[in-house]
């Protein structure tokens, strides 16, 4: 099953709490309370988010954290990669030489295209968009499986 880790999910929650505060600095304890998470978990996600330049940390009595950029400029791919590293659907999606089957593999190019589609989808959703509830019709996929297959085929074909 393809899914982000719990820490990545928690990082997204923490970032949306910050995004809702519009430049206000929140302590890790305030973030934990507003996010409904344990303080150690919030501290654990803040470190890689700060290292990736997604949040700014401030020391002192009024210290805390805020977004480093506006929420509408931070794509979910940045959150995923801050927490998990570069997105790679398979070992060979990012780097050559990682698989012993590489020379005779017929599926590598398709996995790379699938990887690119997932990266693009995550890049096109911002933290600002995550604040608002998704409309009921937000899914780009139809309820008809044949239509979904055609849309995915077109995306993979580069159309």
N, C-alpha and C. Protein backbone atom coordinates (compact mmCIF):
# COMPACT_ATOMS: atom_id res chain seq x y z
N UNK A 1 0.84 -1.17 0.00
CA UNK A 1 0.00 0.00 0.00
C UNK A 1 0.89 1.24 0.00
N UNK A 2 0.53 2.20 -0.82
CA UNK A 2 1.26 3.46 -0.86
C UNK A 2 0.63 4.42 0.14
N UNK A 3 1.44 4.90 1.06
CA UNK A 3 0.95 5.89 2.01
C UNK A 3 2.13 6.63 2.62
N UNK A 4 1.85 7.84 3.07
CA UNK A 4 2.88 8.60 3.78
C UNK A 4 2.96 8.07 5.20
N UNK A 5 4.08 8.33 5.84
CA UNK A 5 4.26 7.88 7.22
C UNK A 5 3.39 8.72 8.16
N UNK A 6 3.22 8.21 9.37
CA UNK A 6 2.47 8.97 10.38
C UNK A 6 3.13 10.31 10.65
N UNK A 7 4.47 10.32 10.69
CA UNK A 7 5.16 11.59 10.96
C UNK A 7 4.92 12.60 9.86
N UNK A 8 4.85 12.15 8.62
CA UNK A 8 4.56 13.07 7.52
C UNK A 8 3.14 13.60 7.65
N UNK A 9 2.22 12.74 8.01
CA UNK A 9 0.84 13.17 8.23
C UNK A 9 0.79 14.18 9.37
N UNK A 10 1.48 13.90 10.47
CA UNK A 10 1.52 14.82 11.60
C UNK A 10 2.18 16.15 11.20
N UNK A 11 3.22 16.08 10.40
CA UNK A 11 3.89 17.30 9.94
C UNK A 11 2.92 18.17 9.15
N UNK A 12 2.10 17.55 8.32
CA UNK A 12 1.11 18.29 7.55
C UNK A 12 0.10 18.96 8.48
N UNK A 13 -0.32 18.25 9.51
CA UNK A 13 -1.26 18.82 10.48
C UNK A 13 -0.62 20.02 11.18
N UNK A 14 0.62 19.87 11.64
CA UNK A 14 1.32 20.97 12.32
C UNK A 14 1.46 22.17 11.39
N UNK A 15 1.81 21.92 10.14
CA UNK A 15 1.98 23.02 9.19
C UNK A 15 0.65 23.72 8.90
N UNK A 16 -0.44 22.98 8.84
CA UNK A 16 -1.73 23.64 8.60
C UNK A 16 -2.16 24.46 9.81
N UNK A 17 -1.79 24.01 11.01
CA UNK A 17 -2.06 24.83 12.21
C UNK A 17 -1.30 26.15 12.09
N UNK A 18 -0.03 26.08 11.71
CA UNK A 18 0.76 27.30 11.52
C UNK A 18 0.18 28.16 10.41
N UNK A 19 -0.24 27.54 9.33
CA UNK A 19 -0.80 28.28 8.19
C UNK A 19 -2.05 29.05 8.60
N UNK A 20 -2.83 28.48 9.48
CA UNK A 20 -4.06 29.14 9.93
C UNK A 20 -3.78 30.35 10.83
N UNK A 21 -2.54 30.46 11.32
CA UNK A 21 -2.19 31.54 12.24
C UNK A 21 -1.66 32.79 11.55
N UNK A 22 -1.45 32.75 10.26
CA UNK A 22 -1.03 33.92 9.48
C UNK A 22 0.15 34.67 10.12
N UNK A 23 1.30 34.07 10.13
CA UNK A 23 2.54 34.68 10.61
C UNK A 23 2.69 34.75 12.13
N UNK A 24 1.72 34.32 12.88
CA UNK A 24 1.85 34.32 14.33
C UNK A 24 2.82 33.22 14.74
N UNK A 25 3.67 33.51 15.71
CA UNK A 25 4.63 32.53 16.23
C UNK A 25 3.95 31.72 17.33
N UNK A 26 4.01 30.39 17.20
CA UNK A 26 3.43 29.49 18.20
C UNK A 26 4.53 28.64 18.80
N UNK A 27 4.47 28.44 20.11
CA UNK A 27 5.42 27.55 20.77
C UNK A 27 5.10 26.11 20.38
N UNK A 28 6.06 25.22 20.62
CA UNK A 28 5.83 23.80 20.33
C UNK A 28 4.67 23.28 21.17
N UNK A 29 4.54 23.76 22.41
CA UNK A 29 3.43 23.33 23.27
C UNK A 29 2.08 23.80 22.71
N UNK A 30 2.03 25.05 22.23
CA UNK A 30 0.80 25.55 21.62
C UNK A 30 0.45 24.77 20.36
N UNK A 31 1.47 24.48 19.57
CA UNK A 31 1.25 23.68 18.35
C UNK A 31 0.69 22.31 18.70
N UNK A 32 1.27 21.68 19.71
CA UNK A 32 0.81 20.35 20.12
C UNK A 32 -0.65 20.40 20.55
N UNK A 33 -0.99 21.40 21.34
CA UNK A 33 -2.37 21.52 21.82
C UNK A 33 -3.34 21.75 20.66
N UNK A 34 -3.01 22.68 19.79
CA UNK A 34 -3.91 23.00 18.67
C UNK A 34 -4.01 21.86 17.66
N UNK A 35 -2.93 21.11 17.50
CA UNK A 35 -2.92 20.00 16.54
C UNK A 35 -3.49 18.72 17.13
N UNK A 36 -3.62 18.67 18.46
CA UNK A 36 -4.10 17.47 19.11
C UNK A 36 -3.07 16.36 19.11
N UNK A 37 -1.80 16.76 19.15
CA UNK A 37 -0.69 15.80 19.14
C UNK A 37 0.11 15.93 20.43
N UNK A 38 0.89 14.91 20.73
CA UNK A 38 1.78 14.95 21.89
C UNK A 38 2.94 15.90 21.59
N UNK A 39 3.40 16.62 22.61
CA UNK A 39 4.50 17.57 22.45
C UNK A 39 5.77 16.94 21.87
N UNK A 40 6.18 15.74 22.32
CA UNK A 40 7.39 15.14 21.73
C UNK A 40 7.24 14.86 20.23
N UNK A 41 6.03 14.51 19.81
CA UNK A 41 5.79 14.26 18.39
C UNK A 41 5.93 15.55 17.59
N UNK A 42 5.38 16.63 18.11
CA UNK A 42 5.49 17.92 17.44
C UNK A 42 6.95 18.34 17.34
N UNK A 43 7.69 18.19 18.42
CA UNK A 43 9.12 18.52 18.39
C UNK A 43 9.86 17.68 17.36
N UNK A 44 9.47 16.43 17.26
CA UNK A 44 10.12 15.52 16.32
C UNK A 44 9.89 15.93 14.87
N UNK A 45 8.71 16.45 14.55
CA UNK A 45 8.45 16.86 13.16
C UNK A 45 8.98 18.26 12.86
N UNK A 46 9.10 19.10 13.87
CA UNK A 46 9.57 20.46 13.62
C UNK A 46 11.02 20.51 13.15
N UNK A 47 11.85 19.61 13.65
CA UNK A 47 13.26 19.63 13.28
C UNK A 47 13.47 19.46 11.77
N UNK A 48 12.96 18.40 11.13
CA UNK A 48 13.16 18.28 9.69
C UNK A 48 12.43 19.37 8.90
N UNK A 49 11.32 19.86 9.41
CA UNK A 49 10.61 20.94 8.71
C UNK A 49 11.44 22.22 8.73
N UNK A 50 12.12 22.48 9.84
CA UNK A 50 13.01 23.65 9.92
C UNK A 50 14.22 23.46 9.02
N UNK A 51 14.79 22.25 9.02
CA UNK A 51 15.96 21.98 8.17
C UNK A 51 15.62 22.14 6.69
N UNK A 52 14.39 21.84 6.33
CA UNK A 52 13.95 21.97 4.93
C UNK A 52 13.54 23.40 4.59
N UNK A 53 13.56 24.28 5.56
CA UNK A 53 13.20 25.67 5.30
C UNK A 53 11.70 25.91 5.21
N UNK A 54 10.91 25.02 5.78
CA UNK A 54 9.46 25.19 5.74
C UNK A 54 8.93 25.96 6.95
N UNK A 55 9.64 25.87 8.08
CA UNK A 55 9.28 26.65 9.26
C UNK A 55 10.51 27.40 9.75
N UNK A 56 10.24 28.50 10.43
CA UNK A 56 11.30 29.27 11.08
C UNK A 56 11.13 29.12 12.58
N UNK A 57 12.24 28.93 13.27
CA UNK A 57 12.21 28.82 14.72
C UNK A 57 12.78 30.07 15.36
N UNK A 58 12.18 30.49 16.46
CA UNK A 58 12.62 31.68 17.19
C UNK A 58 12.84 31.30 18.64
N UNK A 59 13.97 31.73 19.20
CA UNK A 59 14.31 31.42 20.59
C UNK A 59 13.84 32.54 21.50
N UNK A 60 13.85 32.24 22.78
CA UNK A 60 13.54 33.26 23.77
C UNK A 60 12.15 33.10 24.37
N UNK A 61 11.81 34.06 25.23
CA UNK A 61 10.55 34.01 25.97
C UNK A 61 9.34 33.98 25.03
N UNK A 62 9.42 34.69 23.94
CA UNK A 62 8.31 34.71 22.98
C UNK A 62 8.63 33.85 21.76
N UNK A 63 9.51 32.89 21.95
CA UNK A 63 9.94 32.04 20.84
C UNK A 63 8.88 31.05 20.41
N UNK A 64 9.18 30.41 19.32
CA UNK A 64 8.26 29.42 18.77
C UNK A 64 8.54 29.22 17.29
N UNK A 65 7.50 28.92 16.56
CA UNK A 65 7.63 28.59 15.14
C UNK A 65 6.55 29.27 14.33
N UNK A 66 6.90 29.55 13.08
CA UNK A 66 5.93 30.02 12.09
C UNK A 66 6.37 29.51 10.73
N UNK A 67 5.48 29.59 9.76
CA UNK A 67 5.84 29.18 8.41
C UNK A 67 6.93 30.09 7.87
N UNK A 68 7.84 29.52 7.12
CA UNK A 68 8.92 30.31 6.52
C UNK A 68 8.46 31.04 5.26
N UNK A 69 7.39 30.54 4.65
CA UNK A 69 6.82 31.15 3.44
C UNK A 69 5.30 31.10 3.54
N UNK A 70 4.62 31.86 2.72
CA UNK A 70 3.16 31.79 2.73
C UNK A 70 2.67 30.36 2.41
N UNK A 71 1.56 29.99 3.01
CA UNK A 71 1.02 28.63 2.85
C UNK A 71 0.70 28.30 1.41
N UNK A 72 0.35 29.30 0.61
CA UNK A 72 0.02 29.02 -0.79
C UNK A 72 1.27 28.83 -1.66
N UNK A 73 2.44 28.96 -1.05
CA UNK A 73 3.69 28.73 -1.78
C UNK A 73 4.39 27.44 -1.35
N UNK A 74 3.77 26.69 -0.46
CA UNK A 74 4.37 25.44 0.03
C UNK A 74 3.55 24.27 -0.47
N UNK A 75 4.14 23.49 -1.38
CA UNK A 75 3.47 22.32 -1.92
C UNK A 75 3.65 21.12 -1.01
N UNK A 76 2.70 20.20 -1.06
CA UNK A 76 2.80 19.01 -0.22
C UNK A 76 4.02 18.17 -0.53
N UNK A 77 4.52 18.25 -1.76
CA UNK A 77 5.73 17.48 -2.09
C UNK A 77 6.87 17.93 -1.19
N UNK A 78 6.92 19.21 -0.85
CA UNK A 78 7.99 19.71 0.03
C UNK A 78 7.88 19.11 1.42
N UNK A 79 6.66 18.94 1.89
CA UNK A 79 6.43 18.35 3.21
C UNK A 79 6.86 16.88 3.20
N UNK A 80 6.40 16.16 2.18
CA UNK A 80 6.74 14.74 2.07
C UNK A 80 8.25 14.56 1.99
N UNK A 81 8.90 15.35 1.15
CA UNK A 81 10.35 15.19 0.98
C UNK A 81 11.12 15.66 2.21
N UNK A 82 10.60 16.64 2.94
CA UNK A 82 11.26 17.06 4.19
C UNK A 82 11.25 15.93 5.21
N UNK A 83 10.18 15.19 5.24
CA UNK A 83 10.02 14.14 6.25
C UNK A 83 10.56 12.79 5.80
N UNK A 84 10.49 12.50 4.50
CA UNK A 84 10.80 11.16 4.03
C UNK A 84 11.93 11.09 3.01
N UNK A 85 12.41 12.24 2.55
CA UNK A 85 13.41 12.25 1.49
C UNK A 85 12.74 12.26 0.13
N UNK A 86 13.53 12.25 -0.93
CA UNK A 86 12.95 12.32 -2.28
C UNK A 86 11.96 11.18 -2.53
N UNK A 87 10.86 11.52 -3.18
CA UNK A 87 9.83 10.53 -3.47
C UNK A 87 10.33 9.57 -4.54
N UNK A 88 10.27 8.30 -4.24
CA UNK A 88 10.66 7.26 -5.19
C UNK A 88 9.71 6.09 -5.08
N UNK A 89 8.92 5.86 -6.11
CA UNK A 89 7.95 4.76 -6.08
C UNK A 89 8.66 3.41 -6.04
N UNK A 90 9.81 3.33 -6.68
CA UNK A 90 10.63 2.12 -6.67
C UNK A 90 12.08 2.52 -6.45
N UNK A 91 12.93 1.54 -6.20
CA UNK A 91 14.36 1.81 -5.99
C UNK A 91 14.97 2.55 -7.17
N UNK A 92 14.53 2.21 -8.37
CA UNK A 92 15.17 2.79 -9.55
C UNK A 92 14.46 4.06 -10.04
N UNK A 93 13.44 4.52 -9.33
CA UNK A 93 12.73 5.71 -9.77
C UNK A 93 13.60 6.96 -9.73
N UNK A 94 14.56 6.98 -8.83
CA UNK A 94 15.38 8.17 -8.65
C UNK A 94 16.80 8.02 -9.16
N UNK A 95 17.38 6.86 -8.95
CA UNK A 95 18.79 6.68 -9.26
C UNK A 95 19.02 5.40 -10.04
N UNK A 96 19.92 5.49 -10.98
CA UNK A 96 20.31 4.29 -11.71
C UNK A 96 21.29 3.48 -10.87
N UNK A 97 21.41 2.20 -11.18
CA UNK A 97 22.37 1.36 -10.50
C UNK A 97 21.91 0.82 -9.17
N UNK A 98 20.65 1.02 -8.82
CA UNK A 98 20.13 0.56 -7.53
C UNK A 98 19.52 -0.84 -7.60
N UNK A 99 19.40 -1.37 -8.82
CA UNK A 99 18.70 -2.65 -8.98
C UNK A 99 19.49 -3.57 -9.89
N UNK A 100 19.59 -4.82 -9.48
CA UNK A 100 20.30 -5.81 -10.28
C UNK A 100 19.58 -6.18 -11.57
N UNK A 101 18.31 -5.86 -11.68
CA UNK A 101 17.52 -6.18 -12.88
C UNK A 101 17.50 -5.04 -13.89
N UNK A 102 18.18 -3.97 -13.58
CA UNK A 102 18.08 -2.74 -14.35
C UNK A 102 18.28 -2.93 -15.86
N UNK A 103 19.26 -3.70 -16.25
CA UNK A 103 19.58 -3.83 -17.68
C UNK A 103 18.49 -4.53 -18.48
N UNK A 104 17.81 -5.49 -17.88
CA UNK A 104 16.78 -6.21 -18.61
C UNK A 104 15.36 -5.81 -18.19
N UNK A 105 15.23 -4.78 -17.38
CA UNK A 105 13.93 -4.38 -16.85
C UNK A 105 13.12 -3.63 -17.91
N UNK A 106 11.89 -4.04 -18.09
CA UNK A 106 11.02 -3.38 -19.05
C UNK A 106 10.04 -2.42 -18.42
N UNK A 107 10.03 -2.31 -17.10
CA UNK A 107 9.02 -1.46 -16.46
C UNK A 107 9.58 -0.18 -15.84
N UNK A 108 10.86 -0.03 -15.84
CA UNK A 108 11.49 1.12 -15.18
C UNK A 108 10.98 2.46 -15.70
N UNK A 109 10.90 2.60 -17.02
CA UNK A 109 10.45 3.87 -17.59
C UNK A 109 9.02 4.20 -17.15
N UNK A 110 8.18 3.19 -17.09
CA UNK A 110 6.80 3.43 -16.65
C UNK A 110 6.74 3.80 -15.17
N UNK A 111 7.55 3.16 -14.34
CA UNK A 111 7.59 3.54 -12.93
C UNK A 111 8.06 4.98 -12.77
N UNK A 112 9.00 5.40 -13.59
CA UNK A 112 9.47 6.79 -13.51
C UNK A 112 8.35 7.76 -13.89
N UNK A 113 7.56 7.41 -14.91
CA UNK A 113 6.45 8.27 -15.30
C UNK A 113 5.39 8.32 -14.19
N UNK A 114 5.12 7.18 -13.58
CA UNK A 114 4.17 7.15 -12.46
C UNK A 114 4.70 8.01 -11.32
N UNK A 115 5.98 7.87 -11.03
CA UNK A 115 6.62 8.68 -9.99
C UNK A 115 6.44 10.17 -10.29
N UNK A 116 6.66 10.55 -11.54
CA UNK A 116 6.52 11.96 -11.93
C UNK A 116 5.09 12.46 -11.75
N UNK A 117 4.10 11.62 -12.05
CA UNK A 117 2.70 12.00 -11.89
C UNK A 117 2.38 12.23 -10.41
N UNK A 118 2.88 11.37 -9.54
CA UNK A 118 2.63 11.51 -8.10
C UNK A 118 3.32 12.78 -7.58
N UNK A 119 4.56 13.02 -8.00
CA UNK A 119 5.27 14.24 -7.60
C UNK A 119 4.50 15.47 -8.06
N UNK A 120 4.03 15.45 -9.29
CA UNK A 120 3.26 16.59 -9.82
C UNK A 120 1.99 16.82 -9.01
N UNK A 121 1.28 15.74 -8.70
CA UNK A 121 0.04 15.88 -7.92
C UNK A 121 0.32 16.49 -6.55
N UNK A 122 1.37 16.02 -5.88
CA UNK A 122 1.72 16.55 -4.56
C UNK A 122 2.23 17.99 -4.66
N UNK A 123 2.86 18.33 -5.76
CA UNK A 123 3.35 19.69 -5.97
C UNK A 123 2.21 20.67 -6.18
N UNK A 124 1.12 20.19 -6.75
CA UNK A 124 0.00 21.06 -7.09
C UNK A 124 -1.00 21.28 -5.96
N UNK A 125 -0.76 20.66 -4.81
CA UNK A 125 -1.62 20.89 -3.65
C UNK A 125 -0.78 21.64 -2.62
N UNK A 126 -1.29 22.78 -2.18
CA UNK A 126 -0.55 23.62 -1.23
C UNK A 126 -1.12 23.48 0.18
N UNK A 127 -0.34 23.96 1.14
CA UNK A 127 -0.82 23.98 2.52
C UNK A 127 -2.09 24.82 2.65
N UNK A 128 -2.16 25.91 1.90
CA UNK A 128 -3.36 26.75 1.94
C UNK A 128 -4.58 25.95 1.51
N UNK A 129 -4.42 25.11 0.50
CA UNK A 129 -5.54 24.29 0.05
C UNK A 129 -5.91 23.23 1.09
N UNK A 130 -4.94 22.77 1.85
CA UNK A 130 -5.21 21.76 2.87
C UNK A 130 -6.04 22.33 4.03
N UNK A 131 -6.03 23.64 4.20
CA UNK A 131 -6.82 24.27 5.27
C UNK A 131 -8.31 24.18 5.01
N UNK A 132 -8.70 24.26 3.75
CA UNK A 132 -10.12 24.25 3.39
C UNK A 132 -10.58 22.82 3.17
N UNK A 133 -11.80 22.51 3.57
CA UNK A 133 -12.31 21.17 3.28
C UNK A 133 -12.42 20.97 1.78
N UNK A 134 -12.07 19.79 1.33
CA UNK A 134 -12.15 19.49 -0.09
C UNK A 134 -13.60 19.38 -0.50
N UNK A 135 -13.96 19.96 -1.65
CA UNK A 135 -15.33 19.81 -2.12
C UNK A 135 -15.63 18.35 -2.44
N UNK A 136 -16.88 17.98 -2.37
CA UNK A 136 -17.28 16.59 -2.59
C UNK A 136 -16.86 16.07 -3.95
N UNK A 137 -16.74 16.94 -4.92
CA UNK A 137 -16.40 16.53 -6.27
C UNK A 137 -14.93 16.75 -6.60
N UNK A 138 -14.07 16.89 -5.60
CA UNK A 138 -12.68 17.28 -5.80
C UNK A 138 -11.83 16.22 -6.48
N UNK A 139 -12.22 14.96 -6.42
CA UNK A 139 -11.40 13.91 -7.00
C UNK A 139 -11.29 14.07 -8.50
N UNK A 140 -10.06 14.03 -9.05
CA UNK A 140 -9.90 14.14 -10.49
C UNK A 140 -10.33 12.87 -11.21
N UNK A 141 -10.63 11.84 -10.46
CA UNK A 141 -11.01 10.57 -11.07
C UNK A 141 -12.52 10.42 -11.08
N UNK A 142 -13.02 9.92 -12.17
CA UNK A 142 -14.44 9.68 -12.34
C UNK A 142 -14.86 8.48 -11.50
N UNK A 143 -16.16 8.32 -11.31
CA UNK A 143 -16.65 7.12 -10.62
C UNK A 143 -16.71 5.93 -11.56
N UNK A 144 -16.45 6.16 -12.85
CA UNK A 144 -16.45 5.08 -13.82
C UNK A 144 -15.03 4.57 -14.02
N UNK A 145 -14.75 3.30 -13.69
CA UNK A 145 -13.40 2.76 -13.81
C UNK A 145 -12.81 2.91 -15.21
N UNK A 146 -13.60 2.77 -16.26
CA UNK A 146 -13.08 2.89 -17.62
C UNK A 146 -12.56 4.29 -17.88
N UNK A 147 -13.27 5.30 -17.38
CA UNK A 147 -12.83 6.68 -17.56
C UNK A 147 -11.53 6.92 -16.81
N UNK A 148 -11.41 6.37 -15.61
CA UNK A 148 -10.18 6.51 -14.83
C UNK A 148 -9.01 5.88 -15.56
N UNK A 149 -9.19 4.69 -16.08
CA UNK A 149 -8.12 4.01 -16.79
C UNK A 149 -7.66 4.82 -17.98
N UNK A 150 -8.61 5.40 -18.72
CA UNK A 150 -8.25 6.22 -19.89
C UNK A 150 -7.46 7.45 -19.46
N UNK A 151 -7.91 8.13 -18.39
CA UNK A 151 -7.22 9.33 -17.91
C UNK A 151 -5.79 8.98 -17.47
N UNK A 152 -5.63 7.90 -16.74
CA UNK A 152 -4.30 7.49 -16.28
C UNK A 152 -3.43 7.10 -17.46
N UNK A 153 -4.01 6.37 -18.43
CA UNK A 153 -3.25 6.00 -19.63
C UNK A 153 -2.75 7.24 -20.36
N UNK A 154 -3.59 8.26 -20.48
CA UNK A 154 -3.20 9.49 -21.15
C UNK A 154 -2.08 10.20 -20.39
N UNK A 155 -2.17 10.23 -19.05
CA UNK A 155 -1.13 10.88 -18.25
C UNK A 155 0.20 10.15 -18.41
N UNK A 156 0.15 8.82 -18.42
CA UNK A 156 1.38 8.04 -18.55
C UNK A 156 1.96 8.14 -19.94
N UNK A 157 1.11 8.35 -20.92
CA UNK A 157 1.58 8.46 -22.30
C UNK A 157 2.16 9.84 -22.57
N UNK A 158 2.05 10.72 -21.60
CA UNK A 158 2.61 12.06 -21.76
C UNK A 158 1.66 13.01 -22.44
N UNK A 159 0.40 12.62 -22.59
CA UNK A 159 -0.60 13.47 -23.26
C UNK A 159 -1.07 14.56 -22.35
